[in-house]
Amino acid sequence: MTNLLDVEHLKQYFPIRTGFAKTTPLKAVDDISFSIRHGETLGLVGESGCGKTTVGRSVLRLYEPTDGKVYFEGTEITRSNIKSMRRQMQMVFQDPYSSLNPRMTVEDIIGEPLDVHRMYSNSKERREKILNLMELVGLNAEHATRYAHEFSGGQRQRIGIARALAVNPKFIVCDEPVSALDVSIQAQVINMFEELQDKLGVAYLFIAHDLLVVRHISNRIAVMYLGHMVELADSDELMDHPIHPYTESLLSAVPIPDPETARHKQRIVLEGDVPSPLNMPTGCPFRTRCRYATAKCAEEMPDFTDRGNGHFVACHVK
């Protein structure tokens, strides 16, 4: 059975003006490959600025990729067929406050994808579909005539999720969909994502900072650092047996609710600052902050290799 999504050697460079008539490429995403199976959730984690959101937007061609190929159910996504593919792939944006049009009612926001793809035969059918979508994400029918500013952050994010589900997609990019919400609301929205996956069989690329949230919802987790994918494995395998030094450091920072265990846990603090994507170090991008770095790390980029059971790592030393 073919994967739902295959990403091969994706690159996304942005030209940045660094002098008079001179531009330098900012390598936001630099040669990453991964796949997502039908009905699966792949978590994508990493610190701010590592390129997570850019991966999601480039996959959906909201940004035109600099290089690389993206296949959806075996068909390459190109500029000419992206409009027809949009029905299969949608996005839930990070900020529920700026991703909804303040001049449109909830009914029109959710109904907009239906209008674009002409997915109804009359206004009655359109309204029925919208009300069904609102019920699916836990909104009341009387909310349909209200505007986005009348809702809380959690409710606004539900509106965004209903909009993404309107065209019955097979794949949704969730770009940090709970990071702007209160913790209690985060749990509700995460549980809703899981329920929708069980009901509809939709696959997610779930982008987030919080490793505990990602572990809860993801089948597999990928770790990014400075535009590169450094580790990819099943979620339990990655959390219990991290290999890459950067993953070890991230996991050491995850809070533990048991005080006794937390007291004996050793925190791995990274030295130095994150290098600028405009002036990347030679070889491995993580070597300037890595306690295991060798001369080989400065000379060549490590290959992203399978260490067994689908556990991929890009590291010379470990």
Protein backbone atom coordinates (compact mmCIF):
# COMPACT_ATOMS: atom_id res chain seq x y z
CA MET A 1 0.00 0.00 0.00
CA THR A 2 1.41 3.38 -0.98
CA ASN A 3 1.97 6.10 1.60
CA LEU A 4 -0.49 8.95 1.75
CA LEU A 5 2.32 11.52 1.53
CA ASP A 6 5.94 11.20 0.43
CA VAL A 7 8.35 14.14 0.75
CA GLU A 8 11.70 13.75 -1.03
CA HIS A 9 14.68 16.10 -0.56
CA LEU A 10 12.50 19.13 0.18
CA LYS A 11 14.35 22.46 0.20
CA GLN A 12 12.98 25.91 0.92
CA TYR A 13 15.39 28.82 0.58
CA PHE A 14 14.38 32.47 0.97
CA PRO A 15 16.57 35.16 -0.66
CA ILE A 16 17.61 37.74 1.95
CA ARG A 17 19.18 41.05 0.91
CA THR A 18 22.57 41.30 2.64
CA GLY A 19 24.07 44.21 0.76
CA PHE A 20 23.66 46.46 -2.25
CA ALA A 21 22.40 44.24 -5.12
CA LYS A 22 23.44 41.16 -3.11
CA THR A 23 21.21 38.40 -1.74
CA THR A 24 22.04 35.40 0.44
CA PRO A 25 19.79 32.32 0.63
CA LEU A 26 18.28 31.69 4.05
CA LYS A 27 18.01 27.89 4.19
CA ALA A 28 14.78 27.47 6.16
CA VAL A 29 14.40 23.83 5.09
CA ASP A 30 17.44 22.05 3.72
CA ASP A 31 17.01 18.63 2.12
CA ILE A 32 14.54 16.70 4.29
CA SER A 33 12.62 13.54 3.40
CA PHE A 34 9.80 11.74 5.21
CA SER A 35 6.51 9.93 4.57
CA ILE A 36 3.10 9.79 6.25
CA ARG A 37 0.84 6.75 6.06
CA HIS A 38 -2.96 6.77 5.71
CA GLY A 39 -4.62 7.74 9.00
CA GLU A 40 -1.28 8.34 10.74
CA THR A 41 -0.07 11.29 12.80
CA LEU A 42 3.53 12.40 12.34
CA GLY A 43 4.68 14.84 15.03
CA LEU A 44 7.25 17.46 14.03
CA VAL A 45 9.18 19.12 16.87
CA GLY A 46 12.09 21.52 17.28
CA GLU A 47 12.86 24.95 18.68
CA SER A 48 11.50 28.20 17.23
CA GLY A 49 12.97 29.07 13.84
CA CYS A 50 14.06 25.53 12.95
CA GLY A 51 11.75 25.37 9.89
CA LYS A 52 8.78 23.31 11.15
CA THR A 53 6.07 25.66 9.89
CA THR A 54 7.94 26.16 6.60
CA VAL A 55 7.86 22.38 6.04
CA GLY A 56 4.08 22.31 6.46
CA ARG A 57 3.51 25.29 4.19
CA SER A 58 5.92 24.00 1.53
CA VAL A 59 4.24 20.58 1.49
CA LEU A 60 0.88 22.28 0.80
CA ARG A 61 2.57 24.66 -1.67
CA LEU A 62 1.60 27.76 0.25
CA TYR A 63 5.30 28.40 -0.34
CA GLU A 64 6.66 27.27 -3.71
CA PRO A 65 9.50 24.84 -2.78
CA THR A 66 13.00 25.71 -3.95
CA ASP A 67 13.71 22.04 -4.72
CA GLY A 68 12.48 18.55 -3.93
CA LYS A 69 9.30 16.62 -4.66
CA VAL A 70 6.09 15.96 -2.75
CA TYR A 71 3.86 13.02 -3.71
CA PHE A 72 0.26 12.63 -2.54
CA GLU A 73 -1.01 9.05 -2.95
CA GLY A 74 1.73 8.48 -5.54
CA THR A 75 0.93 11.61 -7.60
CA GLU A 76 3.47 14.41 -7.63
CA ILE A 77 2.07 17.75 -6.46
CA THR A 78 2.84 20.45 -9.03
CA ARG A 79 1.77 24.02 -9.65
CA SER A 80 -0.70 22.83 -12.31
CA ASN A 81 -2.56 20.26 -10.19
CA ILE A 82 -2.37 21.88 -6.75
CA LYS A 83 -5.91 23.35 -6.93
CA SER A 84 -7.50 19.92 -7.37
CA MET A 85 -5.23 18.54 -4.62
CA ARG A 86 -6.40 21.25 -2.18
CA ARG A 87 -9.57 19.24 -1.54
CA GLN A 88 -7.43 16.42 -0.16
CA MET A 89 -5.01 18.55 1.89
CA GLN A 90 -5.86 21.33 4.33
CA MET A 91 -4.21 23.33 7.11
CA VAL A 92 -5.10 24.44 10.63
CA PHE A 93 -3.13 27.59 11.40
CA GLN A 94 -1.31 28.43 14.61
CA ASP A 95 -3.04 31.65 15.58
CA PRO A 96 -6.84 31.40 15.84
CA TYR A 97 -7.00 35.18 16.24
CA SER A 98 -5.43 36.18 12.93
CA SER A 99 -6.39 33.19 10.72
CA LEU A 100 -10.13 33.99 10.70
CA ASN A 101 -11.61 36.88 8.70
CA PRO A 102 -13.20 39.33 11.20
CA ARG A 103 -15.67 40.56 8.57
CA MET A 104 -17.18 37.12 7.95
CA THR A 105 -19.69 35.19 10.05
CA VAL A 106 -18.81 31.70 11.26
CA GLU A 107 -21.17 30.25 8.65
CA ASP A 108 -19.33 32.03 5.83
CA ILE A 109 -15.87 31.15 7.20
CA ILE A 110 -16.68 27.43 7.33
CA GLY A 111 -18.63 27.59 4.06
CA GLU A 112 -15.87 29.31 2.07
CA PRO A 113 -14.09 26.04 1.06
CA LEU A 114 -17.47 24.64 0.00
CA ASP A 115 -17.99 27.73 -2.19
CA VAL A 116 -14.51 27.52 -3.75
CA HIS A 117 -14.87 23.85 -4.67
CA ARG A 118 -18.64 24.05 -5.43
CA MET A 119 -19.49 21.20 -3.08
CA TYR A 120 -23.25 21.80 -2.80
CA SER A 121 -26.19 22.07 -5.16
CA ASN A 122 -28.31 24.64 -3.29
CA SER A 123 -28.19 26.96 -0.27
CA LYS A 124 -30.11 24.49 1.93
CA GLU A 125 -27.51 21.76 1.36
CA ARG A 126 -24.72 24.27 2.03
CA ARG A 127 -26.22 25.28 5.37
CA GLU A 128 -26.80 21.64 6.38
CA LYS A 129 -23.16 20.80 5.68
CA ILE A 130 -21.98 23.81 7.69
CA LEU A 131 -24.19 22.94 10.69
CA ASN A 132 -22.99 19.32 10.58
CA LEU A 133 -19.37 20.52 10.60
CA MET A 134 -20.07 22.83 13.54
CA GLU A 135 -21.65 19.97 15.47
CA LEU A 136 -18.65 17.77 14.63
CA VAL A 137 -16.23 20.20 16.32
CA GLY A 138 -18.47 21.01 19.28
CA LEU A 139 -20.03 24.33 18.21
CA ASN A 140 -23.74 25.17 18.52
CA ALA A 141 -25.98 25.99 15.55
CA GLU A 142 -26.74 29.46 16.98
CA HIS A 143 -23.04 30.33 16.67
CA ALA A 144 -23.38 30.32 12.86
CA THR A 145 -24.43 33.98 12.56
CA ARG A 146 -21.79 35.33 14.96
CA TYR A 147 -18.40 36.83 14.13
CA ALA A 148 -14.98 35.49 15.14
CA HIS A 149 -14.29 38.20 17.76
CA GLU A 150 -17.25 36.94 19.80
CA PHE A 151 -15.51 33.64 20.57
CA SER A 152 -12.77 32.46 22.90
CA GLY A 153 -9.42 31.17 21.55
CA GLY A 154 -10.48 27.53 21.86
CA GLN A 155 -13.76 28.15 20.03
CA ARG A 156 -11.95 30.08 17.28
CA GLN A 157 -9.58 27.18 16.78
CA ARG A 158 -12.61 24.86 16.48
CA ILE A 159 -13.93 27.15 13.73
CA GLY A 160 -10.56 26.83 11.94
CA ILE A 161 -10.70 23.05 12.29
CA ALA A 162 -14.26 22.94 10.91
CA ARG A 163 -13.12 25.05 7.95
CA ALA A 164 -10.28 22.59 7.28
CA LEU A 165 -12.68 19.62 7.47
CA ALA A 166 -15.27 21.21 5.15
CA VAL A 167 -13.84 19.61 1.98
CA ASN A 168 -13.44 16.19 3.67
CA PRO A 169 -9.63 16.07 3.34
CA LYS A 170 -7.42 13.01 3.83
CA PHE A 171 -4.50 15.03 5.21
CA ILE A 172 -4.28 18.08 7.49
CA VAL A 173 -1.20 20.09 8.46
CA CYS A 174 -1.73 21.19 12.07
CA ASP A 175 0.65 24.12 12.60
CA GLU A 176 1.01 24.41 16.39
CA PRO A 177 -2.79 24.39 16.72
CA VAL A 178 -2.81 24.51 20.54
CA SER A 179 0.19 26.72 21.36
CA ALA A 180 -1.92 29.90 21.61
CA LEU A 181 -4.54 28.26 23.88
CA ASP A 182 -4.86 27.80 27.65
CA VAL A 183 -3.65 24.45 28.98
CA SER A 184 -7.16 23.21 29.87
CA ILE A 185 -8.39 24.12 26.37
CA GLN A 186 -5.32 22.47 24.80
CA ALA A 187 -6.41 19.08 26.17
CA GLN A 188 -9.92 19.50 24.74
CA VAL A 189 -8.63 20.40 21.27
CA ILE A 190 -6.04 17.57 21.25
CA ASN A 191 -8.74 15.05 22.24
CA MET A 192 -10.96 16.43 19.48
CA PHE A 193 -8.19 15.92 16.90
CA GLU A 194 -7.93 12.28 18.01
CA GLU A 195 -11.70 11.73 17.87
CA LEU A 196 -11.87 13.24 14.37
CA GLN A 197 -9.04 10.95 13.26
CA ASP A 198 -10.93 7.90 14.56
CA LYS A 199 -14.16 9.02 12.87
CA LEU A 200 -12.81 10.29 9.54
CA GLY A 201 -9.48 8.45 9.11
CA VAL A 202 -7.67 11.74 8.42
CA ALA A 203 -3.84 11.88 8.65
CA TYR A 204 -2.00 14.73 10.39
CA LEU A 205 1.37 16.42 10.21
CA PHE A 206 1.28 17.77 13.77
CA ILE A 207 3.75 20.61 14.32
CA ALA A 208 4.40 21.59 17.96
CA HIS A 209 6.91 22.65 20.61
CA ASP A 210 5.50 20.58 23.45
CA LEU A 211 6.95 17.06 23.38
CA LEU A 212 4.35 15.70 25.81
CA VAL A 213 1.52 16.88 23.53
CA VAL A 214 3.30 15.42 20.50
CA ARG A 215 3.88 12.07 22.22
CA HIS A 216 0.21 11.89 23.19
CA ILE A 217 -1.15 12.39 19.68
CA SER A 218 1.62 11.09 17.34
CA ASN A 219 2.38 7.64 15.95
CA ARG A 220 5.87 8.80 14.94
CA ILE A 221 7.93 11.86 15.86
CA ALA A 222 10.46 13.75 13.73
CA VAL A 223 12.95 16.19 15.29
CA MET A 224 14.22 19.21 13.34
CA TYR A 225 17.21 21.47 13.95
CA LEU A 226 18.15 24.45 11.76
CA GLY A 227 16.28 23.25 8.67
CA HIS A 228 17.50 19.63 8.92
CA MET A 229 15.75 16.54 10.19
CA VAL A 230 18.03 14.97 12.79
CA GLU A 231 15.92 12.08 14.12
CA LEU A 232 12.73 10.19 13.24
CA ALA A 233 11.21 7.22 15.07
CA ASP A 234 8.03 5.77 16.60
CA SER A 235 6.91 8.09 19.39
CA ASP A 236 7.58 5.69 22.29
CA GLU A 237 10.91 4.61 20.81
CA LEU A 238 12.06 8.21 20.39
CA MET A 239 10.98 9.25 23.90
CA ASP A 240 12.48 6.19 25.60
CA HIS A 241 15.64 5.71 23.50
CA PRO A 242 16.74 9.00 21.90
CA ILE A 243 19.99 8.76 19.93
CA HIS A 244 20.78 12.25 18.60
CA PRO A 245 22.36 14.63 21.18
CA TYR A 246 19.84 17.34 20.30
CA THR A 247 16.89 15.01 20.96
CA GLU A 248 18.46 14.00 24.28
CA SER A 249 18.69 17.66 25.26
CA LEU A 250 15.07 18.37 24.27
CA LEU A 251 13.78 15.40 26.26
CA SER A 252 15.83 16.35 29.31
CA ALA A 253 13.90 19.65 29.42
CA VAL A 254 10.46 17.99 29.50
CA PRO A 255 8.90 18.54 32.96
CA ILE A 256 8.14 15.42 35.02
CA PRO A 257 5.11 15.53 37.37
CA ASP A 258 6.78 13.28 39.99
CA PRO A 259 9.10 15.43 42.21
CA GLU A 260 11.22 12.45 43.28
CA THR A 261 11.96 11.39 39.71
CA ALA A 262 12.51 14.99 38.61
CA ARG A 263 15.07 15.51 41.39
CA HIS A 264 17.28 12.74 40.06
CA LYS A 265 16.86 13.66 36.43
CA GLN A 266 19.90 15.21 34.79
CA ARG A 267 19.23 18.26 32.62
CA ILE A 268 21.35 18.47 29.46
CA VAL A 269 21.96 22.19 28.88
CA LEU A 270 23.15 23.14 25.39
CA GLU A 271 26.15 25.44 25.16
CA GLY A 272 26.21 28.51 22.91
CA ASP A 273 23.55 30.06 20.69
CA VAL A 274 21.68 28.75 17.68
CA PRO A 275 23.72 29.64 14.54
CA SER A 276 22.15 31.96 11.99
CA PRO A 277 20.50 30.18 9.03
CA LEU A 278 22.24 32.81 6.88
CA ASN A 279 25.65 31.70 8.11
CA MET A 280 25.41 27.96 8.75
CA PRO A 281 28.37 26.03 10.22
CA THR A 282 30.12 23.57 7.91
CA GLY A 283 29.28 19.89 8.23
CA CYS A 284 26.70 19.03 10.87
CA PRO A 285 24.58 22.09 11.77
CA PHE A 286 24.41 21.00 15.44
CA ARG A 287 28.18 20.56 15.96
CA THR A 288 28.71 24.07 17.42
CA ARG A 289 26.51 23.13 20.41
CA CYS A 290 27.24 19.39 20.62
CA ARG A 291 29.33 17.92 23.44
CA TYR A 292 30.29 14.92 21.27
CA ALA A 293 31.46 16.92 18.21
CA THR A 294 34.60 15.69 16.41
CA ALA A 295 36.67 16.94 13.48
CA LYS A 296 34.57 14.78 11.14
CA CYS A 297 31.42 16.64 12.23
CA ALA A 298 32.94 19.90 10.91
CA GLU A 299 33.94 18.34 7.60
CA GLU A 300 30.82 16.59 6.36
CA MET A 301 27.09 16.48 6.89
CA PRO A 302 25.99 13.17 8.49
CA ASP A 303 23.64 10.96 6.46
CA PHE A 304 20.10 10.35 7.70
CA THR A 305 20.40 6.59 8.26
CA ASP A 306 18.15 3.83 9.60
CA ARG A 307 19.49 2.43 12.89
CA GLY A 308 16.87 -0.34 12.93
CA ASN A 309 13.06 -0.54 13.29
CA GLY A 310 12.58 2.68 11.33
CA HIS A 311 14.65 4.75 13.77
CA PHE A 312 16.45 7.28 11.55
CA VAL A 313 19.27 9.48 12.87
CA ALA A 314 21.70 11.97 11.30
CA CYS A 315 24.81 11.79 13.51
CA HIS A 316 28.45 10.74 13.00
CA VAL A 317 29.16 10.00 16.66
CA LYS A 318 26.11 8.30 18.16
